[in-house]
Amino acid sequence: MRGAGAAWRAGFGRLGGVVGPLLGGLPISAGLALNSIFYILAAVGILGVLLTLLVPSARGPRELHSTFIEPSLRAEPGKLASSAVEKG
């Protein structure tokens, strides 16, 4: 799961690296003044901070439940070979 999460993070990071400059260039090509673009981007940044603060955090230690796994019964080497021959 950790590897899949790291891959998704890297993928979205690259997507942001491509789309970010394109979206940043739109207000410039629309002819907006630089101070207007700054205020728009500052508002987007503040919105991101507020949304990040709304994400609940894990508080306190998590309770881990242990699962008992019984060891499997191993067949003796002679029995394993003879049972394979009988089935074949």
N, C-alpha and C. Protein backbone atom coordinates (compact mmCIF):
# COMPACT_ATOMS: atom_id res chain seq x y z
N MET A 1 0.83 -1.18 0.00
CA MET A 1 0.00 0.00 0.00
C MET A 1 0.87 1.25 0.00
N ARG A 2 1.98 1.18 0.70
CA ARG A 2 2.85 2.36 0.77
C ARG A 2 3.43 2.68 -0.60
N GLY A 3 3.82 1.66 -1.34
CA GLY A 3 4.36 1.87 -2.68
C GLY A 3 3.34 2.48 -3.63
N ALA A 4 2.09 2.01 -3.52
CA ALA A 4 1.03 2.57 -4.37
C ALA A 4 0.77 4.02 -4.02
N GLY A 5 0.80 4.33 -2.73
CA GLY A 5 0.59 5.72 -2.31
C GLY A 5 1.71 6.63 -2.78
N ALA A 6 2.94 6.14 -2.73
CA ALA A 6 4.06 6.95 -3.20
C ALA A 6 3.98 7.16 -4.71
N ALA A 7 3.51 6.15 -5.43
CA ALA A 7 3.37 6.28 -6.89
C ALA A 7 2.29 7.29 -7.24
N TRP A 8 1.16 7.26 -6.54
CA TRP A 8 0.09 8.25 -6.78
C TRP A 8 0.58 9.65 -6.47
N ARG A 9 1.31 9.79 -5.39
CA ARG A 9 1.83 11.11 -5.00
C ARG A 9 2.77 11.64 -6.07
N ALA A 10 3.65 10.78 -6.57
CA ALA A 10 4.58 11.21 -7.60
C ALA A 10 3.84 11.56 -8.89
N GLY A 11 2.81 10.78 -9.21
CA GLY A 11 2.03 11.06 -10.41
C GLY A 11 1.32 12.39 -10.35
N PHE A 12 0.69 12.69 -9.22
CA PHE A 12 0.01 13.97 -9.07
C PHE A 12 1.00 15.12 -9.00
N GLY A 13 2.16 14.87 -8.46
CA GLY A 13 3.19 15.90 -8.44
C GLY A 13 3.64 16.27 -9.84
N ARG A 14 3.80 15.27 -10.68
CA ARG A 14 4.19 15.54 -12.07
C ARG A 14 3.05 16.21 -12.82
N LEU A 15 1.83 15.78 -12.55
CA LEU A 15 0.68 16.42 -13.19
C LEU A 15 0.61 17.89 -12.80
N GLY A 16 0.84 18.19 -11.54
CA GLY A 16 0.86 19.57 -11.09
C GLY A 16 2.00 20.36 -11.71
N GLY A 17 3.12 19.72 -11.94
CA GLY A 17 4.25 20.39 -12.58
C GLY A 17 3.97 20.77 -14.03
N VAL A 18 3.08 20.03 -14.68
CA VAL A 18 2.73 20.33 -16.06
C VAL A 18 1.56 21.32 -16.13
N VAL A 19 0.53 21.05 -15.34
CA VAL A 19 -0.70 21.86 -15.42
C VAL A 19 -0.53 23.19 -14.71
N GLY A 20 0.28 23.25 -13.67
CA GLY A 20 0.45 24.49 -12.90
C GLY A 20 0.90 25.68 -13.74
N PRO A 21 1.97 25.54 -14.52
CA PRO A 21 2.37 26.67 -15.36
C PRO A 21 1.34 27.04 -16.42
N LEU A 22 0.61 26.03 -16.92
CA LEU A 22 -0.43 26.34 -17.90
C LEU A 22 -1.54 27.18 -17.27
N LEU A 23 -1.97 26.78 -16.07
CA LEU A 23 -3.02 27.57 -15.39
C LEU A 23 -2.48 28.91 -14.92
N GLY A 24 -1.21 28.96 -14.59
CA GLY A 24 -0.61 30.24 -14.19
C GLY A 24 -0.48 31.20 -15.36
N GLY A 25 -0.32 30.67 -16.55
CA GLY A 25 -0.20 31.51 -17.74
C GLY A 25 -1.52 32.05 -18.25
N LEU A 26 -2.62 31.42 -17.88
CA LEU A 26 -3.93 31.90 -18.33
C LEU A 26 -4.25 33.32 -17.88
N PRO A 27 -4.07 33.68 -16.61
CA PRO A 27 -4.37 35.07 -16.22
C PRO A 27 -3.44 36.08 -16.90
N ILE A 28 -2.20 35.68 -17.12
CA ILE A 28 -1.27 36.59 -17.79
C ILE A 28 -1.71 36.81 -19.24
N SER A 29 -2.10 35.72 -19.91
CA SER A 29 -2.54 35.86 -21.30
C SER A 29 -3.88 36.58 -21.40
N ALA A 30 -4.67 36.55 -20.31
CA ALA A 30 -5.95 37.27 -20.31
C ALA A 30 -5.75 38.76 -20.09
N GLY A 31 -4.54 39.17 -19.75
CA GLY A 31 -4.25 40.58 -19.59
C GLY A 31 -4.50 41.12 -18.18
N LEU A 32 -4.58 40.25 -17.19
CA LEU A 32 -4.77 40.71 -15.82
C LEU A 32 -3.48 41.33 -15.29
N ALA A 33 -3.63 42.30 -14.43
CA ALA A 33 -2.46 42.93 -13.82
C ALA A 33 -1.79 41.96 -12.85
N LEU A 34 -0.49 42.11 -12.64
CA LEU A 34 0.25 41.19 -11.79
C LEU A 34 -0.24 41.21 -10.34
N ASN A 35 -0.65 42.38 -9.83
CA ASN A 35 -1.15 42.40 -8.45
C ASN A 35 -2.48 41.65 -8.34
N SER A 36 -3.31 41.67 -9.39
CA SER A 36 -4.56 40.90 -9.38
C SER A 36 -4.27 39.41 -9.38
N ILE A 37 -3.30 39.01 -10.17
CA ILE A 37 -2.92 37.59 -10.22
C ILE A 37 -2.39 37.15 -8.86
N PHE A 38 -1.61 38.01 -8.20
CA PHE A 38 -1.09 37.68 -6.88
C PHE A 38 -2.23 37.45 -5.89
N TYR A 39 -3.23 38.32 -5.90
CA TYR A 39 -4.35 38.17 -4.96
C TYR A 39 -5.16 36.91 -5.25
N ILE A 40 -5.31 36.58 -6.51
CA ILE A 40 -6.03 35.34 -6.86
C ILE A 40 -5.27 34.13 -6.35
N LEU A 41 -3.96 34.10 -6.58
CA LEU A 41 -3.15 32.96 -6.13
C LEU A 41 -3.04 32.91 -4.60
N ALA A 42 -3.03 34.07 -3.96
CA ALA A 42 -3.01 34.10 -2.49
C ALA A 42 -4.32 33.54 -1.94
N ALA A 43 -5.44 33.86 -2.57
CA ALA A 43 -6.73 33.32 -2.13
C ALA A 43 -6.78 31.80 -2.30
N VAL A 44 -6.23 31.31 -3.40
CA VAL A 44 -6.17 29.86 -3.61
C VAL A 44 -5.29 29.20 -2.55
N GLY A 45 -4.18 29.83 -2.22
CA GLY A 45 -3.30 29.30 -1.18
C GLY A 45 -3.96 29.28 0.19
N ILE A 46 -4.67 30.34 0.53
CA ILE A 46 -5.38 30.39 1.82
C ILE A 46 -6.48 29.33 1.86
N LEU A 47 -7.18 29.14 0.74
CA LEU A 47 -8.19 28.09 0.67
C LEU A 47 -7.55 26.71 0.91
N GLY A 48 -6.37 26.49 0.34
CA GLY A 48 -5.66 25.23 0.55
C GLY A 48 -5.28 25.03 2.00
N VAL A 49 -4.85 26.09 2.67
CA VAL A 49 -4.50 26.00 4.09
C VAL A 49 -5.74 25.67 4.91
N LEU A 50 -6.85 26.32 4.63
CA LEU A 50 -8.08 26.07 5.39
C LEU A 50 -8.58 24.64 5.19
N LEU A 51 -8.51 24.16 3.96
CA LEU A 51 -8.95 22.78 3.71
C LEU A 51 -8.02 21.77 4.38
N THR A 52 -6.73 22.08 4.43
CA THR A 52 -5.78 21.20 5.11
C THR A 52 -6.07 21.14 6.61
N LEU A 53 -6.44 22.27 7.18
CA LEU A 53 -6.75 22.30 8.61
C LEU A 53 -8.03 21.54 8.94
N LEU A 54 -8.89 21.33 7.97
CA LEU A 54 -10.12 20.58 8.21
C LEU A 54 -9.93 19.08 8.21
N VAL A 55 -8.79 18.60 7.74
CA VAL A 55 -8.52 17.16 7.71
C VAL A 55 -8.30 16.69 9.14
N PRO A 56 -9.07 15.69 9.58
CA PRO A 56 -8.90 15.22 10.96
C PRO A 56 -7.56 14.52 11.14
N SER A 57 -6.98 14.70 12.30
CA SER A 57 -5.71 14.04 12.59
C SER A 57 -5.95 12.88 13.54
N ALA A 58 -5.08 11.89 13.47
CA ALA A 58 -5.17 10.75 14.38
C ALA A 58 -4.63 11.19 15.73
N ARG A 59 -5.43 11.07 16.74
CA ARG A 59 -5.00 11.50 18.07
C ARG A 59 -4.81 10.28 18.97
N GLY A 60 -3.74 10.30 19.67
CA GLY A 60 -3.47 9.22 20.62
C GLY A 60 -2.97 7.97 19.92
N PRO A 61 -2.50 7.03 20.71
CA PRO A 61 -1.99 5.79 20.11
C PRO A 61 -3.14 4.94 19.57
N ARG A 62 -2.88 4.34 18.46
CA ARG A 62 -3.88 3.45 17.88
C ARG A 62 -3.79 2.09 18.56
N GLU A 63 -4.92 1.47 18.73
CA GLU A 63 -4.96 0.16 19.36
C GLU A 63 -4.72 -0.90 18.28
N LEU A 64 -3.69 -1.68 18.46
CA LEU A 64 -3.37 -2.73 17.51
C LEU A 64 -3.87 -4.06 18.05
N HIS A 65 -4.52 -4.80 17.19
CA HIS A 65 -5.03 -6.10 17.58
C HIS A 65 -4.12 -7.16 16.97
N SER A 66 -3.67 -8.07 17.81
CA SER A 66 -2.81 -9.13 17.30
C SER A 66 -3.66 -10.31 16.84
N THR A 67 -3.21 -10.96 15.81
CA THR A 67 -3.92 -12.11 15.26
C THR A 67 -3.02 -13.33 15.43
N PHE A 68 -3.57 -14.35 16.04
CA PHE A 68 -2.80 -15.56 16.23
C PHE A 68 -2.91 -16.42 14.99
N ILE A 69 -1.77 -16.82 14.46
CA ILE A 69 -1.73 -17.68 13.28
C ILE A 69 -1.09 -18.99 13.69
N GLU A 70 -1.84 -20.06 13.50
CA GLU A 70 -1.31 -21.37 13.86
C GLU A 70 -0.30 -21.82 12.82
N PRO A 71 0.78 -22.43 13.28
CA PRO A 71 1.73 -22.96 12.29
C PRO A 71 1.10 -24.12 11.54
N SER A 72 1.42 -24.22 10.27
CA SER A 72 0.86 -25.31 9.47
C SER A 72 1.56 -26.61 9.80
N LEU A 73 0.84 -27.70 9.64
CA LEU A 73 1.43 -29.02 9.87
C LEU A 73 2.23 -29.39 8.64
N ARG A 74 3.51 -29.61 8.85
CA ARG A 74 4.37 -29.95 7.72
C ARG A 74 4.39 -31.46 7.54
N ALA A 75 4.25 -31.88 6.30
CA ALA A 75 4.31 -33.31 6.01
C ALA A 75 5.78 -33.75 5.97
N GLU A 76 5.99 -34.97 6.28
CA GLU A 76 7.34 -35.50 6.20
C GLU A 76 7.72 -35.61 4.73
N PRO A 77 9.00 -35.47 4.41
CA PRO A 77 9.41 -35.50 3.00
C PRO A 77 8.97 -36.76 2.26
N GLY A 78 8.98 -37.90 2.90
CA GLY A 78 8.57 -39.14 2.24
C GLY A 78 7.08 -39.14 1.93
N LYS A 79 6.28 -38.63 2.85
CA LYS A 79 4.84 -38.61 2.64
C LYS A 79 4.45 -37.65 1.53
N LEU A 80 5.15 -36.53 1.44
CA LEU A 80 4.84 -35.54 0.41
C LEU A 80 5.10 -36.12 -0.97
N ALA A 81 6.21 -36.82 -1.13
CA ALA A 81 6.55 -37.39 -2.44
C ALA A 81 5.59 -38.51 -2.80
N SER A 82 5.22 -39.34 -1.83
CA SER A 82 4.34 -40.46 -2.16
C SER A 82 2.94 -39.95 -2.46
N SER A 83 2.47 -38.92 -1.80
CA SER A 83 1.13 -38.42 -2.07
C SER A 83 1.08 -37.74 -3.44
N ALA A 84 2.18 -37.15 -3.88
CA ALA A 84 2.22 -36.53 -5.19
C ALA A 84 2.22 -37.60 -6.29
N VAL A 85 2.88 -38.70 -6.04
CA VAL A 85 2.92 -39.79 -7.02
C VAL A 85 1.57 -40.45 -7.13
N GLU A 86 0.88 -40.63 -5.98
CA GLU A 86 -0.42 -41.26 -5.99
C GLU A 86 -1.45 -40.43 -6.73
N LYS A 87 -1.39 -39.09 -6.61
CA LYS A 87 -2.36 -38.24 -7.27
C LYS A 87 -2.12 -38.19 -8.77
N GLY A 88 -0.87 -38.29 -9.22
CA GLY A 88 -0.52 -38.13 -10.62
C GLY A 88 -0.86 -39.31 -11.42
